[in-house]
PDB file of N, CA and C in Angstrom:
ATOM      1  N   MET A   1       0.908  -1.373  -0.055  1.00  0.00           N
ATOM      2  CA  MET A   1       0.194  -0.002  -0.137  1.00  0.00           C
ATOM      3  C   MET A   1       0.933   1.412   0.115  1.00  0.00           C
ATOM      4  N   VAL A   2       0.652   2.231  -0.654  1.00  0.00           N
ATOM      5  CA  VAL A   2       1.216   3.378  -0.645  1.00  0.00           C
ATOM      6  C   VAL A   2       0.843   4.488   0.045  1.00  0.00           C
ATOM      7  N   LEU A   3       1.569   5.497  -0.077  1.00  0.00           N
ATOM      8  CA  LEU A   3       0.983   6.530   1.587  1.00  0.00           C
ATOM      9  C   LEU A   3       0.054   7.547   0.414  1.00  0.00           C
ATOM     10  N   LYS A   4      -1.138   8.042   0.695  1.00  0.00           N
ATOM     11  CA  LYS A   4      -1.968   9.054   0.112  1.00  0.00           C
ATOM     12  C   LYS A   4      -2.063   9.965   1.197  1.00  0.00           C
ATOM     13  N   ILE A   5      -2.427  10.976   0.943  1.00  0.00           N
ATOM     14  CA  ILE A   5      -1.993  11.834   1.261  1.00  0.00           C
ATOM     15  C   ILE A   5      -3.182  13.258   0.860  1.00  0.00           C
ATOM     16  N   GLU A   6      -4.028  13.477   1.678  1.00  0.00           N
ATOM     17  CA  GLU A   6      -5.297  14.514   1.466  1.00  0.00           C
ATOM     18  C   GLU A   6      -5.149  15.768   2.271  1.00  0.00           C
ATOM     19  N   GLU A   7      -5.475  16.932   1.947  1.00  0.00           N
ATOM     20  CA  GLU A   7      -5.220  18.064   2.484  1.00  0.00           C
ATOM     21  C   GLU A   7      -6.714  18.675   2.940  1.00  0.00           C
ATOM     22  N   ALA A   8      -6.275  19.070   3.968  1.00  0.00           N
ATOM     23  CA  ALA A   8      -7.731  20.142   4.303  1.00  0.00           C
ATOM     24  C   ALA A   8      -7.226  21.423   5.364  1.00  0.00           C
ATOM     25  N   SER A   9      -8.076  22.392   4.759  1.00  0.00           N
ATOM     26  CA  SER A   9      -7.487  23.846   5.177  1.00  0.00           C
ATOM     27  C   SER A   9      -8.909  24.509   6.270  1.00  0.00           C
ATOM     28  N   THR A  10      -8.616  25.053   7.127  1.00  0.00           N
ATOM     29  CA  THR A  10      -9.445  25.093   8.358  1.00  0.00           C
ATOM     30  C   THR A  10      -8.789  26.900   8.180  1.00  0.00           C
ATOM     31  N   ASP A  11      -9.657  27.338   9.320  1.00  0.00           N
ATOM     32  CA  ASP A  11      -9.267  28.968   9.564  1.00  0.00           C
ATOM     33  C   ASP A  11      -7.681  28.861  10.057  1.00  0.00           C
ATOM     34  N   THR A  12      -7.407  28.270  11.260  1.00  0.00           N
ATOM     35  CA  THR A  12      -6.412  27.836  11.874  1.00  0.00           C
ATOM     36  C   THR A  12      -5.668  27.291  11.727  1.00  0.00           C
ATOM     37  N   GLN A  13      -5.621  26.115  10.365  1.00  0.00           N
ATOM     38  CA  GLN A  13      -4.127  25.505  10.224  1.00  0.00           C
ATOM     39  C   GLN A  13      -4.456  24.598   9.237  1.00  0.00           C
ATOM     40  N   THR A  14      -3.448  23.457   8.615  1.00  0.00           N
ATOM     41  CA  THR A  14      -3.958  22.996   7.405  1.00  0.00           C
ATOM     42  C   THR A  14      -3.439  21.459   7.922  1.00  0.00           C
ATOM     43  N   VAL A  15      -4.550  20.671   7.557  1.00  0.00           N
ATOM     44  CA  VAL A  15      -4.455  18.987   8.017  1.00  0.00           C
ATOM     45  C   VAL A  15      -4.279  17.996   6.495  1.00  0.00           C
ATOM     46  N   LEU A  16      -3.095  17.781   7.148  1.00  0.00           N
ATOM     47  CA  LEU A  16      -2.981  16.492   5.649  1.00  0.00           C
ATOM     48  C   LEU A  16      -3.002  15.092   6.441  1.00  0.00           C
ATOM     49  N   SER A  17      -4.198  14.754   5.643  1.00  0.00           N
ATOM     50  CA  SER A  17      -4.406  13.231   6.395  1.00  0.00           C
ATOM     51  C   SER A  17      -3.726  12.250   5.434  1.00  0.00           C
ATOM     52  N   LEU A  18      -3.224  11.445   6.411  1.00  0.00           N
ATOM     53  CA  LEU A  18      -1.749  10.423   5.377  1.00  0.00           C
ATOM     54  C   LEU A  18      -2.542   8.585   6.111  1.00  0.00           C
ATOM     55  N   ALA A  19      -2.494   7.962   5.191  1.00  0.00           N
ATOM     56  CA  ALA A  19      -2.938   6.745   5.028  1.00  0.00           C
ATOM     57  C   ALA A  19      -2.346   5.967   4.670  1.00  0.00           C
ATOM     58  N   GLY A  20      -2.312   4.820   4.852  1.00  0.00           N
ATOM     59  CA  GLY A  20      -1.293   3.662   4.366  1.00  0.00           C
ATOM     60  C   GLY A  20       0.126   3.459   4.862  1.00  0.00           C
ATOM     61  N   ARG A  21       0.930   2.892   4.962  1.00  0.00           N
ATOM     62  CA  ARG A  21       2.180   3.266   5.204  1.00  0.00           C
ATOM     63  C   ARG A  21       3.165   4.323   4.989  1.00  0.00           C
ATOM     64  N   ILE A  22       3.736   4.657   5.870  1.00  0.00           N
ATOM     65  CA  ILE A  22       5.017   5.392   5.605  1.00  0.00           C
ATOM     66  C   ILE A  22       6.451   5.580   5.720  1.00  0.00           C
ATOM     67  N   GLU A  23       6.765   5.367   4.469  1.00  0.00           N
ATOM     68  CA  GLU A  23       7.943   4.522   4.178  1.00  0.00           C
ATOM     69  C   GLU A  23       9.273   6.050   3.711  1.00  0.00           C
ATOM     70  N   SER A  24      10.995   5.416   3.513  1.00  0.00           N
ATOM     71  CA  SER A  24      11.785   6.508   3.384  1.00  0.00           C
ATOM     72  C   SER A  24      10.997   7.743   2.362  1.00  0.00           C
ATOM     73  N   GLY A  25      11.098   6.613   0.886  1.00  0.00           N
ATOM     74  CA  GLY A  25      10.739   7.285   0.024  1.00  0.00           C
ATOM     75  C   GLY A  25       9.554   8.572   0.270  1.00  0.00           C
ATOM     76  N   ASP A  26       8.604   8.737   1.322  1.00  0.00           N
ATOM     77  CA  ASP A  26       7.712   9.292   1.084  1.00  0.00           C
ATOM     78  C   ASP A  26       8.146  10.479   1.827  1.00  0.00           C
ATOM     79  N   VAL A  27       9.530  10.960   2.905  1.00  0.00           N
ATOM     80  CA  VAL A  27       9.477  11.454   3.608  1.00  0.00           C
ATOM     81  C   VAL A  27       9.904  12.676   2.858  1.00  0.00           C
ATOM     82  N   GLN A  28      10.439  12.285   1.779  1.00  0.00           N
ATOM     83  CA  GLN A  28      10.561  13.620   0.740  1.00  0.00           C
ATOM     84  C   GLN A  28       9.808  14.189   0.625  1.00  0.00           C
ATOM     85  N   ARG A  29       8.724  13.534  -0.279  1.00  0.00           N
ATOM     86  CA  ARG A  29       7.600  14.049  -0.639  1.00  0.00           C
ATOM     87  C   ARG A  29       6.660  14.937   0.351  1.00  0.00           C
ATOM     88  N   LEU A  30       6.607  13.957   1.591  1.00  0.00           N
ATOM     89  CA  LEU A  30       5.913  15.238   3.108  1.00  0.00           C
ATOM     90  C   LEU A  30       7.037  16.363   3.189  1.00  0.00           C
ATOM     91  N   LYS A  31       8.398  16.603   3.022  1.00  0.00           N
ATOM     92  CA  LYS A  31       9.362  17.431   3.430  1.00  0.00           C
ATOM     93  C   LYS A  31       8.547  18.558   2.262  1.00  0.00           C
ATOM     94  N   ALA A  32       8.387  18.037   0.766  1.00  0.00           N
ATOM     95  CA  ALA A  32       7.704  18.942  -0.437  1.00  0.00           C
ATOM     96  C   ALA A  32       6.436  19.565   0.400  1.00  0.00           C
ATOM     97  N   GLU A  33       5.646  18.831   0.611  1.00  0.00           N
ATOM     98  CA  GLU A  33       4.031  19.273   0.895  1.00  0.00           C
ATOM     99  C   GLU A  33       4.081  19.844   1.911  1.00  0.00           C
ATOM    100  N   ILE A  34       4.971  20.385   3.108  1.00  0.00           N
ATOM    101  CA  ILE A  34       4.728  21.242   3.970  1.00  0.00           C
ATOM    102  C   ILE A  34       5.362  22.389   3.883  1.00  0.00           C
ATOM    103  N   GLU A  35       6.292  22.240   2.651  1.00  0.00           N
ATOM    104  CA  GLU A  35       7.671  23.235   2.749  1.00  0.00           C
ATOM    105  C   GLU A  35       6.643  24.334   1.351  1.00  0.00           C
ATOM    106  N   SER A  36       5.527  24.142   0.705  1.00  0.00           N
ATOM    107  CA  SER A  36       4.301  24.581   0.080  1.00  0.00           C
ATOM    108  C   SER A  36       3.703  24.978   0.685  1.00  0.00           C
ATOM    109  N   LEU A  37       3.202  24.565   1.789  1.00  0.00           N
ATOM    110  CA  LEU A  37       2.026  25.684   2.838  1.00  0.00           C
ATOM    111  C   LEU A  37       3.031  26.736   3.780  1.00  0.00           C
ATOM    112  N   GLU A  38       1.871  26.993   4.044  1.00  0.00           N
ATOM    113  CA  GLU A  38       2.217  28.549   5.067  1.00  0.00           C
ATOM    114  C   GLU A  38       0.930  28.370   6.584  1.00  0.00           C
ATOM    115  N   GLY A  39       1.805  28.783   7.373  1.00  0.00           N
ATOM    116  CA  GLY A  39       0.793  28.846   8.836  1.00  0.00           C
ATOM    117  C   GLY A  39       1.161  27.218   9.555  1.00  0.00           C
ATOM    118  N   PRO A  40       0.267  26.886  10.394  1.00  0.00           N
ATOM    119  CA  PRO A  40       0.272  25.862  11.302  1.00  0.00           C
ATOM    120  C   PRO A  40      -0.486  24.532  10.619  1.00  0.00           C
ATOM    121  N   ILE A  41       0.661  23.606  10.349  1.00  0.00           N
ATOM    122  CA  ILE A  41      -0.135  22.166   9.918  1.00  0.00           C
ATOM    123  C   ILE A  41      -0.084  21.068  10.898  1.00  0.00           C
ATOM    124  N   ALA A  42      -0.933  20.486  10.840  1.00  0.00           N
ATOM    125  CA  ALA A  42      -1.224  19.175  11.511  1.00  0.00           C
ATOM    126  C   ALA A  42      -0.988  18.000  10.416  1.00  0.00           C
ATOM    127  N   PHE A  43      -0.292  16.805  11.196  1.00  0.00           N
ATOM    128  CA  PHE A  43      -0.557  15.998  10.454  1.00  0.00           C
ATOM    129  C   PHE A  43      -1.696  14.648  10.919  1.00  0.00           C
ATOM    130  N   ASP A  44      -2.378  14.373  10.072  1.00  0.00           N
ATOM    131  CA  ASP A  44      -3.814  13.399  10.921  1.00  0.00           C
ATOM    132  C   ASP A  44      -3.404  11.600  10.806  1.00  0.00           C
ATOM    133  N   LEU A  45      -2.312  10.895  11.618  1.00  0.00           N
ATOM    134  CA  LEU A  45      -2.222  10.147  11.038  1.00  0.00           C
ATOM    135  C   LEU A  45      -3.362   8.600  11.327  1.00  0.00           C
ATOM    136  N   ASP A  46      -4.760   8.835  11.842  1.00  0.00           N
ATOM    137  CA  ASP A  46      -5.046   7.765  12.071  1.00  0.00           C
ATOM    138  C   ASP A  46      -5.116   6.704  10.757  1.00  0.00           C
ATOM    139  N   GLN A  47      -5.055   7.025  10.039  1.00  0.00           N
ATOM    140  CA  GLN A  47      -5.219   5.976   8.801  1.00  0.00           C
ATOM    141  C   GLN A  47      -3.769   5.360   8.723  1.00  0.00           C
ATOM    142  N   VAL A  48      -2.804   5.717   9.331  1.00  0.00           N
ATOM    143  CA  VAL A  48      -1.459   5.419   9.021  1.00  0.00           C
ATOM    144  C   VAL A  48      -1.515   3.713   9.743  1.00  0.00           C
ATOM    145  N   ARG A  49      -0.524   2.771   9.368  1.00  0.00           N
ATOM    146  CA  ARG A  49      -0.783   1.584   9.765  1.00  0.00           C
ATOM    147  C   ARG A  49       0.886   1.293  10.032  1.00  0.00           C
ATOM    148  N   LEU A  50       2.088   1.693   9.424  1.00  0.00           N
ATOM    149  CA  LEU A  50       2.872   1.082   9.186  1.00  0.00           C
ATOM    150  C   LEU A  50       3.997   2.561   9.213  1.00  0.00           C
ATOM    151  N   VAL A  51       5.080   2.423   9.974  1.00  0.00           N
ATOM    152  CA  VAL A  51       6.257   3.442   9.371  1.00  0.00           C
ATOM    153  C   VAL A  51       7.261   2.272   9.576  1.00  0.00           C
ATOM    154  N   ASN A  52       8.106   3.369   9.181  1.00  0.00           N
ATOM    155  CA  ASN A  52       9.730   2.412   9.044  1.00  0.00           C
ATOM    156  C   ASN A  52      10.944   3.158  10.177  1.00  0.00           C
ATOM    157  N   LEU A  53      11.542   3.632  10.433  1.00  0.00           N
ATOM    158  CA  LEU A  53      12.404   4.401  11.215  1.00  0.00           C
ATOM    159  C   LEU A  53      12.961   5.572  10.594  1.00  0.00           C
ATOM    160  N   ASP A  54      12.776   6.040   8.844  1.00  0.00           N
ATOM    161  CA  ASP A  54      13.653   7.205   8.407  1.00  0.00           C
ATOM    162  C   ASP A  54      11.737   7.636   8.806  1.00  0.00           C
ATOM    163  N   ALA A  55      10.875   6.924   8.810  1.00  0.00           N
ATOM    164  CA  ALA A  55       9.386   8.137   8.911  1.00  0.00           C
ATOM    165  C   ALA A  55       9.141   8.771  10.369  1.00  0.00           C
ATOM    166  N   VAL A  56       9.792   7.113  11.056  1.00  0.00           N
ATOM    167  CA  VAL A  56       9.532   7.802  12.782  1.00  0.00           C
ATOM    168  C   VAL A  56      10.492   9.514  13.095  1.00  0.00           C
ATOM    169  N   ARG A  57      11.605   9.197  12.552  1.00  0.00           N
ATOM    170  CA  ARG A  57      12.315   9.933  12.643  1.00  0.00           C
ATOM    171  C   ARG A  57      12.206  11.649  12.254  1.00  0.00           C
ATOM    172  N   PHE A  58      11.818  11.389  10.741  1.00  0.00           N
ATOM    173  CA  PHE A  58      10.844  12.673  10.101  1.00  0.00           C
ATOM    174  C   PHE A  58       9.790  13.039  11.197  1.00  0.00           C
ATOM    175  N   LEU A  59       8.953  12.523  11.544  1.00  0.00           N
ATOM    176  CA  LEU A  59       7.893  12.562  12.353  1.00  0.00           C
ATOM    177  C   LEU A  59       7.851  13.454  13.460  1.00  0.00           C
ATOM    178  N   ALA A  60       9.022  12.755  14.281  1.00  0.00           N
ATOM    179  CA  ALA A  60       9.773  13.362  15.576  1.00  0.00           C
ATOM    180  C   ALA A  60      10.203  14.727  15.400  1.00  0.00           C
ATOM    181  N   VAL A  61      10.803  15.067  14.438  1.00  0.00           N
ATOM    182  CA  VAL A  61      11.590  16.159  14.173  1.00  0.00           C
ATOM    183  C   VAL A  61      10.141  16.899  13.414  1.00  0.00           C
ATOM    184  N   CYS A  62       9.358  17.041  13.160  1.00  0.00           N
ATOM    185  CA  CYS A  62       8.234  17.781  12.774  1.00  0.00           C
ATOM    186  C   CYS A  62       7.240  18.272  13.711  1.00  0.00           C
ATOM    187  N   GLU A  63       7.608  16.970  14.835  1.00  0.00           N
ATOM    188  CA  GLU A  63       7.066  17.441  16.319  1.00  0.00           C
ATOM    189  C   GLU A  63       7.151  18.730  17.274  1.00  0.00           C
ATOM    190  N   LYS A  64       8.391  18.288  16.985  1.00  0.00           N
ATOM    191  CA  LYS A  64       9.550  19.263  17.539  1.00  0.00           C
ATOM    192  C   LYS A  64       9.232  20.737  17.322  1.00  0.00           C
ATOM    193  N   ARG A  65       9.290  20.808  16.309  1.00  0.00           N
ATOM    194  CA  ARG A  65       9.477  22.367  15.321  1.00  0.00           C
ATOM    195  C   ARG A  65       7.786  22.717  15.125  1.00  0.00           C
ATOM    196  N   GLY A  66       6.344  21.880  15.712  1.00  0.00           N
ATOM    197  CA  GLY A  66       5.429  22.701  16.050  1.00  0.00           C
ATOM    198  C   GLY A  66       4.165  22.215  15.312  1.00  0.00           C
ATOM    199  N   ILE A  67       4.736  20.997  14.278  1.00  0.00           N
ATOM    200  CA  ILE A  67       3.510  20.293  13.347  1.00  0.00           C
ATOM    201  C   ILE A  67       2.909  19.426  14.979  1.00  0.00           C
ATOM    202  N   GLU A  68       1.820  19.079  14.126  1.00  0.00           N
ATOM    203  CA  GLU A  68       0.773  18.545  15.114  1.00  0.00           C
ATOM    204  C   GLU A  68       0.719  17.245  14.867  1.00  0.00           C
ATOM    205  N   LEU A  69       0.996  16.361  15.140  1.00  0.00           N
ATOM    206  CA  LEU A  69       0.454  14.980  15.054  1.00  0.00           C
ATOM    207  C   LEU A  69      -0.884  14.420  16.048  1.00  0.00           C
ATOM    208  N   LEU A  70      -1.902  14.294  15.139  1.00  0.00           N
ATOM    209  CA  LEU A  70      -3.362  14.484  15.415  1.00  0.00           C
ATOM    210  C   LEU A  70      -3.630  12.685  15.178  1.00  0.00           C
ATOM    211  N   ASN A  71      -4.580  11.662  16.357  1.00  0.00           N
ATOM    212  CA  ASN A  71      -4.830  10.508  15.810  1.00  0.00           C
ATOM    213  C   ASN A  71      -3.790   9.583  15.750  1.00  0.00           C
ATOM    214  N   CYS A  72      -2.916   9.867  16.411  1.00  0.00           N
ATOM    215  CA  CYS A  72      -1.443   9.098  16.165  1.00  0.00           C
ATOM    216  C   CYS A  72      -1.628   7.746  16.679  1.00  0.00           C
ATOM    217  N   PRO A  73      -1.581   6.785  15.862  1.00  0.00           N
ATOM    218  CA  PRO A  73      -1.813   5.446  16.615  1.00  0.00           C
ATOM    219  C   PRO A  73      -0.391   5.160  18.273  1.00  0.00           C
ATOM    220  N   PRO A  74      -1.055   4.339  18.557  1.00  0.00           N
ATOM    221  CA  PRO A  74      -0.516   4.027  19.867  1.00  0.00           C
ATOM    222  C   PRO A  74       1.271   3.591  19.565  1.00  0.00           C
ATOM    223  N   HIS A  75       1.616   2.678  18.499  1.00  0.00           N
ATOM    224  CA  HIS A  75       2.826   1.949  18.365  1.00  0.00           C
ATOM    225  C   HIS A  75       3.280   3.116  17.560  1.00  0.00           C
ATOM    226  N   VAL A  76       2.924   3.952  16.852  1.00  0.00           N
ATOM    227  CA  VAL A  76       3.590   5.096  16.311  1.00  0.00           C
ATOM    228  C   VAL A  76       4.444   6.140  17.252  1.00  0.00           C
ATOM    229  N   ARG A  77       3.249   6.308  18.342  1.00  0.00           N
ATOM    230  CA  ARG A  77       3.291   7.721  19.130  1.00  0.00           C
ATOM    231  C   ARG A  77       4.138   7.194  19.567  1.00  0.00           C
ATOM    232  N   ALA A  78       4.530   5.718  20.564  1.00  0.00           N
ATOM    233  CA  ALA A  78       5.409   5.783  21.522  1.00  0.00           C
ATOM    234  C   ALA A  78       6.944   5.452  20.890  1.00  0.00           C
ATOM    235  N   TRP A  79       7.018   5.059  19.480  1.00  0.00           N
ATOM    236  CA  TRP A  79       7.983   5.210  18.496  1.00  0.00           C
ATOM    237  C   TRP A  79       8.378   6.427  18.611  1.00  0.00           C
ATOM    238  N   VAL A  80       7.662   7.282  18.079  1.00  0.00           N
ATOM    239  CA  VAL A  80       8.111   9.084  18.187  1.00  0.00           C
ATOM    240  C   VAL A  80       8.839   9.663  18.979  1.00  0.00           C
ATOM    241  N   SER A  81       7.939   8.910  19.964  1.00  0.00           N
ATOM    242  CA  SER A  81       8.603   9.668  21.160  1.00  0.00           C
ATOM    243  C   SER A  81       9.485   9.189  22.001  1.00  0.00           C
ATOM    244  N   LEU A  82      10.284   7.482  21.628  1.00  0.00           N
ATOM    245  CA  LEU A  82      11.553   7.297  21.773  1.00  0.00           C
ATOM    246  C   LEU A  82      12.177   8.507  20.723  1.00  0.00           C
ATOM    247  N   GLU A  83      12.190   8.548  19.436  1.00  0.00           N
ATOM    248  CA  GLU A  83      12.914   9.214  18.802  1.00  0.00           C
ATOM    249  C   GLU A  83      13.072  10.413  19.094  1.00  0.00           C
ATOM    250  N   LYS A  84      11.894  11.086  19.449  1.00  0.00           N
ATOM    251  CA  LYS A  84      12.026  13.030  20.326  1.00  0.00           C
ATOM    252  C   LYS A  84      13.111  12.913  21.461  1.00  0.00           C
ATOM    253  N   ALA A  85      13.413  11.940  22.313  1.00  0.00           N
ATOM    254  CA  ALA A  85      13.955  11.890  23.410  1.00  0.00           C
ATOM    255  C   ALA A  85      15.364  11.371  22.695  1.00  0.00           C
ATOM    256  N   ARG A  86      15.874  10.598  21.979  1.00  0.00           N
ATOM    257  CA  ARG A  86      17.116  10.098  21.666  1.00  0.00           C
ATOM    258  C   ARG A  86      17.830  11.600  20.449  1.00  0.00           C
ATOM    259  N   VAL A  87      16.924  12.633  19.649  1.00  0.00           N
ATOM    260  CA  VAL A  87      17.350  13.446  19.342  1.00  0.00           C
ATOM    261  C   VAL A  87      17.239  14.159  20.000  1.00  0.00           C
ATOM    262  N   GLY A  88      16.613  14.854  21.221  1.00  0.00           N
ATOM    263  CA  GLY A  88      17.423  15.616  22.470  1.00  0.00           C
ATOM    264  C   GLY A  88      18.266  15.630  22.841  1.00  0.00           C
ATOM    265  N   GLU A  89      18.495  13.839  22.874  1.00  0.00           N
ATOM    266  CA  GLU A  89      20.044  13.784  23.534  1.00  0.00           C
ATOM    267  C   GLU A  89      21.506  14.024  22.932  1.00  0.00           C
ATOM    268  N   LEU A  90      21.176  14.216  21.675  1.00  0.00           N
ATOM    269  CA  LEU A  90      22.275  14.127  20.290  1.00  0.00           C
ATOM    270  C   LEU A  90      22.468  16.442  20.641  1.00  0.00           C
ATOM    271  N   GLU A  91      21.335  16.842  20.848  1.00  0.00           N
ATOM    272  CA  GLU A  91      21.395  18.313  20.119  1.00  0.00           C
ATOM    273  C   GLU A  91      22.004  18.755  21.189  1.00  0.00           C
TER     274      GLU A  91
END
């Protein structure tokens, strides 16, 4: 299954709804997507089923930079939290 991205804007932020799996190749696509947007951004991860290490590290960095992770599956949330702590130790 490939990553599906749907964009929805509200008065306060742009929400990118992600569905499927997020792999290394998708990270560049997501970076390009967020660079094209202005204002606050959130990722809705409700339909994300699989992630790899590159994707988790990307999500951790995004969250540290203020991108909100909505409806994050528990296994993804736990892994992102571990990576945020690890990245924080390196800074």
